[in-house]
Amino acid sequence: MSEESMSDAAAAARHARYGRLPERIRFEDMTVETEAAPSEVKSAYGPEGSWTYYSCLALDLGL
């Protein structure tokens, strides 16, 4: 059996089992654009609260 006839047979078997694929969804239909509200954050850095964002593997493991 040649490779082309095997791929045709495989394609026919797939089509018999699953039918045809659904229509492709356009990218425009998958996304929604919305206006972002302005943030009222004064500063992204706060020295008093910066320890809450500190990540250390040794501390996480309790060493």
PDB file of N, CA and C in Angstrom:
ATOM      1  N   MET A   1       0.836  -1.181   0.000  1.00  0.00           N
ATOM      2  CA  MET A   1       0.000   0.000   0.000  1.00  0.00           C
ATOM      3  C   MET A   1       0.884   1.249   0.000  1.00  0.00           C
ATOM      4  N   SER A   2       0.570   2.213  -0.812  1.00  0.00           N
ATOM      5  CA  SER A   2       1.378   3.422  -0.857  1.00  0.00           C
ATOM      6  C   SER A   2       0.970   4.362   0.274  1.00  0.00           C
ATOM      7  N   GLU A   3       1.858   5.307   0.576  1.00  0.00           N
ATOM      8  CA  GLU A   3       1.596   6.245   1.659  1.00  0.00           C
ATOM      9  C   GLU A   3       0.379   7.115   1.374  1.00  0.00           C
ATOM     10  N   GLU A   4       0.211   7.482   0.117  1.00  0.00           N
ATOM     11  CA  GLU A   4      -0.919   8.355  -0.246  1.00  0.00           C
ATOM     12  C   GLU A   4      -2.246   7.643  -0.029  1.00  0.00           C
ATOM     13  N   SER A   5      -2.327   6.388  -0.402  1.00  0.00           N
ATOM     14  CA  SER A   5      -3.580   5.655  -0.222  1.00  0.00           C
ATOM     15  C   SER A   5      -3.848   5.384   1.264  1.00  0.00           C
ATOM     16  N   MET A   6      -2.765   5.216   2.058  1.00  0.00           N
ATOM     17  CA  MET A   6      -2.945   5.027   3.503  1.00  0.00           C
ATOM     18  C   MET A   6      -3.470   6.297   4.147  1.00  0.00           C
ATOM     19  N   SER A   7      -2.947   7.470   3.719  1.00  0.00           N
ATOM     20  CA  SER A   7      -3.421   8.727   4.296  1.00  0.00           C
ATOM     21  C   SER A   7      -4.858   9.007   3.846  1.00  0.00           C
ATOM     22  N   ASP A   8      -5.209   8.619   2.610  1.00  0.00           N
ATOM     23  CA  ASP A   8      -6.591   8.779   2.153  1.00  0.00           C
ATOM     24  C   ASP A   8      -7.524   7.881   2.954  1.00  0.00           C
ATOM     25  N   ALA A   9      -7.080   6.660   3.241  1.00  0.00           N
ATOM     26  CA  ALA A   9      -7.891   5.737   4.036  1.00  0.00           C
ATOM     27  C   ALA A   9      -8.042   6.258   5.457  1.00  0.00           C
ATOM     28  N   ALA A  10      -6.968   6.803   6.011  1.00  0.00           N
ATOM     29  CA  ALA A  10      -7.031   7.363   7.359  1.00  0.00           C
ATOM     30  C   ALA A  10      -7.959   8.573   7.394  1.00  0.00           C
ATOM     31  N   ALA A  11      -7.903   9.408   6.364  1.00  0.00           N
ATOM     32  CA  ALA A  11      -8.773  10.576   6.301  1.00  0.00           C
ATOM     33  C   ALA A  11     -10.235  10.147   6.180  1.00  0.00           C
ATOM     34  N   ALA A  12     -10.487   9.115   5.399  1.00  0.00           N
ATOM     35  CA  ALA A  12     -11.856   8.617   5.250  1.00  0.00           C
ATOM     36  C   ALA A  12     -12.363   8.027   6.564  1.00  0.00           C
ATOM     37  N   ALA A  13     -11.493   7.318   7.299  1.00  0.00           N
ATOM     38  CA  ALA A  13     -11.882   6.749   8.590  1.00  0.00           C
ATOM     39  C   ALA A  13     -12.173   7.853   9.602  1.00  0.00           C
ATOM     40  N   ARG A  14     -11.335   8.897   9.617  1.00  0.00           N
ATOM     41  CA  ARG A  14     -11.583  10.035  10.522  1.00  0.00           C
ATOM     42  C   ARG A  14     -12.898  10.708  10.198  1.00  0.00           C
ATOM     43  N   HIS A  15     -13.147  10.912   8.912  1.00  0.00           N
ATOM     44  CA  HIS A  15     -14.374  11.587   8.493  1.00  0.00           C
ATOM     45  C   HIS A  15     -15.602  10.746   8.855  1.00  0.00           C
ATOM     46  N   ALA A  16     -15.499   9.433   8.704  1.00  0.00           N
ATOM     47  CA  ALA A  16     -16.615   8.553   9.050  1.00  0.00           C
ATOM     48  C   ALA A  16     -16.871   8.571  10.554  1.00  0.00           C
ATOM     49  N   ARG A  17     -15.806   8.672  11.334  1.00  0.00           N
ATOM     50  CA  ARG A  17     -15.965   8.625  12.786  1.00  0.00           C
ATOM     51  C   ARG A  17     -16.407   9.962  13.366  1.00  0.00           C
ATOM     52  N   TYR A  18     -15.792  11.051  12.930  1.00  0.00           N
ATOM     53  CA  TYR A  18     -16.027  12.355  13.542  1.00  0.00           C
ATOM     54  C   TYR A  18     -16.872  13.304  12.704  1.00  0.00           C
ATOM     55  N   GLY A  19     -17.060  13.024  11.445  1.00  0.00           N
ATOM     56  CA  GLY A  19     -17.776  13.960  10.581  1.00  0.00           C
ATOM     57  C   GLY A  19     -16.880  15.125  10.214  1.00  0.00           C
ATOM     58  N   ARG A  20     -17.495  16.248   9.904  1.00  0.00           N
ATOM     59  CA  ARG A  20     -16.655  17.388   9.534  1.00  0.00           C
ATOM     60  C   ARG A  20     -16.421  18.288  10.732  1.00  0.00           C
ATOM     61  N   LEU A  21     -15.371  19.070  10.650  1.00  0.00           N
ATOM     62  CA  LEU A  21     -15.011  19.981  11.729  1.00  0.00           C
ATOM     63  C   LEU A  21     -15.997  21.140  11.800  1.00  0.00           C
ATOM     64  N   PRO A  22     -16.176  21.724  12.970  1.00  0.00           N
ATOM     65  CA  PRO A  22     -17.031  22.898  13.064  1.00  0.00           C
ATOM     66  C   PRO A  22     -16.384  24.087  12.354  1.00  0.00           C
ATOM     67  N   GLU A  23     -17.192  25.055  12.043  1.00  0.00           N
ATOM     68  CA  GLU A  23     -16.672  26.248  11.364  1.00  0.00           C
ATOM     69  C   GLU A  23     -15.660  26.950  12.265  1.00  0.00           C
ATOM     70  N   ARG A  24     -14.677  27.538  11.650  1.00  0.00           N
ATOM     71  CA  ARG A  24     -13.633  28.239  12.389  1.00  0.00           C
ATOM     72  C   ARG A  24     -14.196  29.531  12.985  1.00  0.00           C
ATOM     73  N   ILE A  25     -13.827  29.811  14.232  1.00  0.00           N
ATOM     74  CA  ILE A  25     -14.265  31.026  14.906  1.00  0.00           C
ATOM     75  C   ILE A  25     -13.260  32.123  14.601  1.00  0.00           C
ATOM     76  N   ARG A  26     -13.758  33.262  14.170  1.00  0.00           N
ATOM     77  CA  ARG A  26     -12.877  34.377  13.854  1.00  0.00           C
ATOM     78  C   ARG A  26     -12.297  34.960  15.140  1.00  0.00           C
ATOM     79  N   PHE A  27     -11.098  35.536  15.056  1.00  0.00           N
ATOM     80  CA  PHE A  27     -10.447  36.126  16.211  1.00  0.00           C
ATOM     81  C   PHE A  27     -11.282  37.270  16.775  1.00  0.00           C
ATOM     82  N   GLU A  28     -11.914  38.033  15.916  1.00  0.00           N
ATOM     83  CA  GLU A  28     -12.732  39.163  16.362  1.00  0.00           C
ATOM     84  C   GLU A  28     -13.901  38.690  17.225  1.00  0.00           C
ATOM     85  N   ASP A  29     -14.393  37.483  16.976  1.00  0.00           N
ATOM     86  CA  ASP A  29     -15.501  36.949  17.758  1.00  0.00           C
ATOM     87  C   ASP A  29     -15.049  36.385  19.100  1.00  0.00           C
ATOM     88  N   MET A  30     -13.757  36.127  19.258  1.00  0.00           N
ATOM     89  CA  MET A  30     -13.238  35.558  20.503  1.00  0.00           C
ATOM     90  C   MET A  30     -12.802  36.624  21.493  1.00  0.00           C
ATOM     91  N   THR A  31     -12.646  37.859  21.058  1.00  0.00           N
ATOM     92  CA  THR A  31     -12.143  38.911  21.927  1.00  0.00           C
ATOM     93  C   THR A  31     -13.184  40.003  22.100  1.00  0.00           C
ATOM     94  N   VAL A  32     -13.111  40.666  23.234  1.00  0.00           N
ATOM     95  CA  VAL A  32     -14.001  41.787  23.521  1.00  0.00           C
ATOM     96  C   VAL A  32     -13.137  42.933  24.017  1.00  0.00           C
ATOM     97  N   GLU A  33     -13.300  44.084  23.426  1.00  0.00           N
ATOM     98  CA  GLU A  33     -12.552  45.259  23.866  1.00  0.00           C
ATOM     99  C   GLU A  33     -13.412  46.055  24.835  1.00  0.00           C
ATOM    100  N   THR A  34     -12.823  46.389  25.979  1.00  0.00           N
ATOM    101  CA  THR A  34     -13.513  47.218  26.960  1.00  0.00           C
ATOM    102  C   THR A  34     -12.573  48.325  27.410  1.00  0.00           C
ATOM    103  N   GLU A  35     -13.154  49.417  27.818  1.00  0.00           N
ATOM    104  CA  GLU A  35     -12.368  50.532  28.326  1.00  0.00           C
ATOM    105  C   GLU A  35     -11.930  50.202  29.749  1.00  0.00           C
ATOM    106  N   ALA A  36     -10.677  50.433  30.041  1.00  0.00           N
ATOM    107  CA  ALA A  36     -10.164  50.198  31.391  1.00  0.00           C
ATOM    108  C   ALA A  36     -10.400  51.441  32.228  1.00  0.00           C
ATOM    109  N   ALA A  37     -10.861  51.220  33.445  1.00  0.00           N
ATOM    110  CA  ALA A  37     -11.065  52.335  34.360  1.00  0.00           C
ATOM    111  C   ALA A  37      -9.701  52.803  34.859  1.00  0.00           C
ATOM    112  N   PRO A  38      -9.522  54.104  35.014  1.00  0.00           N
ATOM    113  CA  PRO A  38      -8.238  54.589  35.510  1.00  0.00           C
ATOM    114  C   PRO A  38      -8.006  54.104  36.949  1.00  0.00           C
ATOM    115  N   SER A  39      -6.803  53.702  37.205  1.00  0.00           N
ATOM    116  CA  SER A  39      -6.456  53.196  38.521  1.00  0.00           C
ATOM    117  C   SER A  39      -6.161  54.351  39.466  1.00  0.00           C
ATOM    118  N   GLU A  40      -6.537  54.179  40.713  1.00  0.00           N
ATOM    119  CA  GLU A  40      -6.286  55.228  41.699  1.00  0.00           C
ATOM    120  C   GLU A  40      -5.123  54.858  42.604  1.00  0.00           C
ATOM    121  N   VAL A  41      -4.231  54.009  42.126  1.00  0.00           N
ATOM    122  CA  VAL A  41      -3.054  53.637  42.892  1.00  0.00           C
ATOM    123  C   VAL A  41      -2.075  54.794  42.837  1.00  0.00           C
ATOM    124  N   LYS A  42      -1.650  55.264  44.016  1.00  0.00           N
ATOM    125  CA  LYS A  42      -0.742  56.410  44.050  1.00  0.00           C
ATOM    126  C   LYS A  42       0.683  56.008  43.695  1.00  0.00           C
ATOM    127  N   SER A  43       1.105  54.867  44.232  1.00  0.00           N
ATOM    128  CA  SER A  43       2.459  54.409  43.981  1.00  0.00           C
ATOM    129  C   SER A  43       2.460  52.887  44.017  1.00  0.00           C
ATOM    130  N   ALA A  44       3.198  52.295  43.129  1.00  0.00           N
ATOM    131  CA  ALA A  44       3.259  50.844  43.089  1.00  0.00           C
ATOM    132  C   ALA A  44       4.184  50.311  44.182  1.00  0.00           C
ATOM    133  N   TYR A  45       5.065  51.142  44.715  1.00  0.00           N
ATOM    134  CA  TYR A  45       6.012  50.698  45.730  1.00  0.00           C
ATOM    135  C   TYR A  45       5.639  51.280  47.075  1.00  0.00           C
ATOM    136  N   GLY A  46       5.506  50.414  48.068  1.00  0.00           N
ATOM    137  CA  GLY A  46       5.256  50.860  49.433  1.00  0.00           C
ATOM    138  C   GLY A  46       6.255  50.191  50.347  1.00  0.00           C
ATOM    139  N   PRO A  47       7.225  50.936  50.894  1.00  0.00           N
ATOM    140  CA  PRO A  47       8.279  50.310  51.687  1.00  0.00           C
ATOM    141  C   PRO A  47       7.752  49.577  52.927  1.00  0.00           C
ATOM    142  N   GLU A  48       6.653  50.045  53.524  1.00  0.00           N
ATOM    143  CA  GLU A  48       6.126  49.385  54.710  1.00  0.00           C
ATOM    144  C   GLU A  48       5.520  48.026  54.380  1.00  0.00           C
ATOM    145  N   GLY A  49       4.909  47.926  53.223  1.00  0.00           N
ATOM    146  CA  GLY A  49       4.258  46.683  52.853  1.00  0.00           C
ATOM    147  C   GLY A  49       5.063  45.824  51.906  1.00  0.00           C
ATOM    148  N   SER A  50       6.294  46.211  51.632  1.00  0.00           N
ATOM    149  CA  SER A  50       7.073  45.471  50.639  1.00  0.00           C
ATOM    150  C   SER A  50       7.448  44.074  51.118  1.00  0.00           C
ATOM    151  N   TRP A  51       7.498  43.847  52.430  1.00  0.00           N
ATOM    152  CA  TRP A  51       7.864  42.527  52.940  1.00  0.00           C
ATOM    153  C   TRP A  51       6.804  41.488  52.591  1.00  0.00           C
ATOM    154  N   THR A  52       5.587  41.907  52.324  1.00  0.00           N
ATOM    155  CA  THR A  52       4.543  40.943  52.000  1.00  0.00           C
ATOM    156  C   THR A  52       4.745  40.339  50.615  1.00  0.00           C
ATOM    157  N   TYR A  53       5.529  40.983  49.784  1.00  0.00           N
ATOM    158  CA  TYR A  53       5.773  40.491  48.441  1.00  0.00           C
ATOM    159  C   TYR A  53       7.118  39.794  48.334  1.00  0.00           C
ATOM    160  N   TYR A  54       7.855  39.716  49.432  1.00  0.00           N
ATOM    161  CA  TYR A  54       9.177  39.091  49.420  1.00  0.00           C
ATOM    162  C   TYR A  54       9.006  37.582  49.333  1.00  0.00           C
ATOM    163  N   SER A  55       9.721  36.975  48.417  1.00  0.00           N
ATOM    164  CA  SER A  55       9.651  35.541  48.259  1.00  0.00           C
ATOM    165  C   SER A  55      11.044  34.955  48.394  1.00  0.00           C
ATOM    166  N   CYS A  56      11.179  34.011  49.318  1.00  0.00           N
ATOM    167  CA  CYS A  56      12.456  33.363  49.535  1.00  0.00           C
ATOM    168  C   CYS A  56      12.184  31.880  49.744  1.00  0.00           C
ATOM    169  N   LEU A  57      12.853  31.043  49.010  1.00  0.00           N
ATOM    170  CA  LEU A  57      12.639  29.610  49.108  1.00  0.00           C
ATOM    171  C   LEU A  57      12.966  29.090  50.497  1.00  0.00           C
ATOM    172  N   ALA A  58      14.029  29.607  51.109  1.00  0.00           N
ATOM    173  CA  ALA A  58      14.404  29.164  52.445  1.00  0.00           C
ATOM    174  C   ALA A  58      13.301  29.494  53.447  1.00  0.00           C
ATOM    175  N   LEU A  59      12.710  30.676  53.339  1.00  0.00           N
ATOM    176  CA  LEU A  59      11.608  31.040  54.240  1.00  0.00           C
ATOM    177  C   LEU A  59      10.383  30.204  53.961  1.00  0.00           C
ATOM    178  N   ASP A  60      10.101  29.923  52.692  1.00  0.00           N
ATOM    179  CA  ASP A  60       8.954  29.109  52.342  1.00  0.00           C
ATOM    180  C   ASP A  60       9.077  27.695  52.902  1.00  0.00           C
ATOM    181  N   LEU A  61      10.287  27.168  52.940  1.00  0.00           N
ATOM    182  CA  LEU A  61      10.512  25.826  53.442  1.00  0.00           C
ATOM    183  C   LEU A  61      10.671  25.796  54.964  1.00  0.00           C
ATOM    184  N   GLY A  62      10.718  26.959  55.597  1.00  0.00           N
ATOM    185  CA  GLY A  62      10.848  27.043  57.043  1.00  0.00           C
ATOM    186  C   GLY A  62      12.253  26.779  57.522  1.00  0.00           C
ATOM    187  N   LEU A  63      13.238  27.075  56.698  1.00  0.00           N
ATOM    188  CA  LEU A  63      14.639  26.848  57.094  1.00  0.00           C
ATOM    189  C   LEU A  63      15.200  28.037  57.807  1.00  0.00           C
TER     190      LEU A  63
END
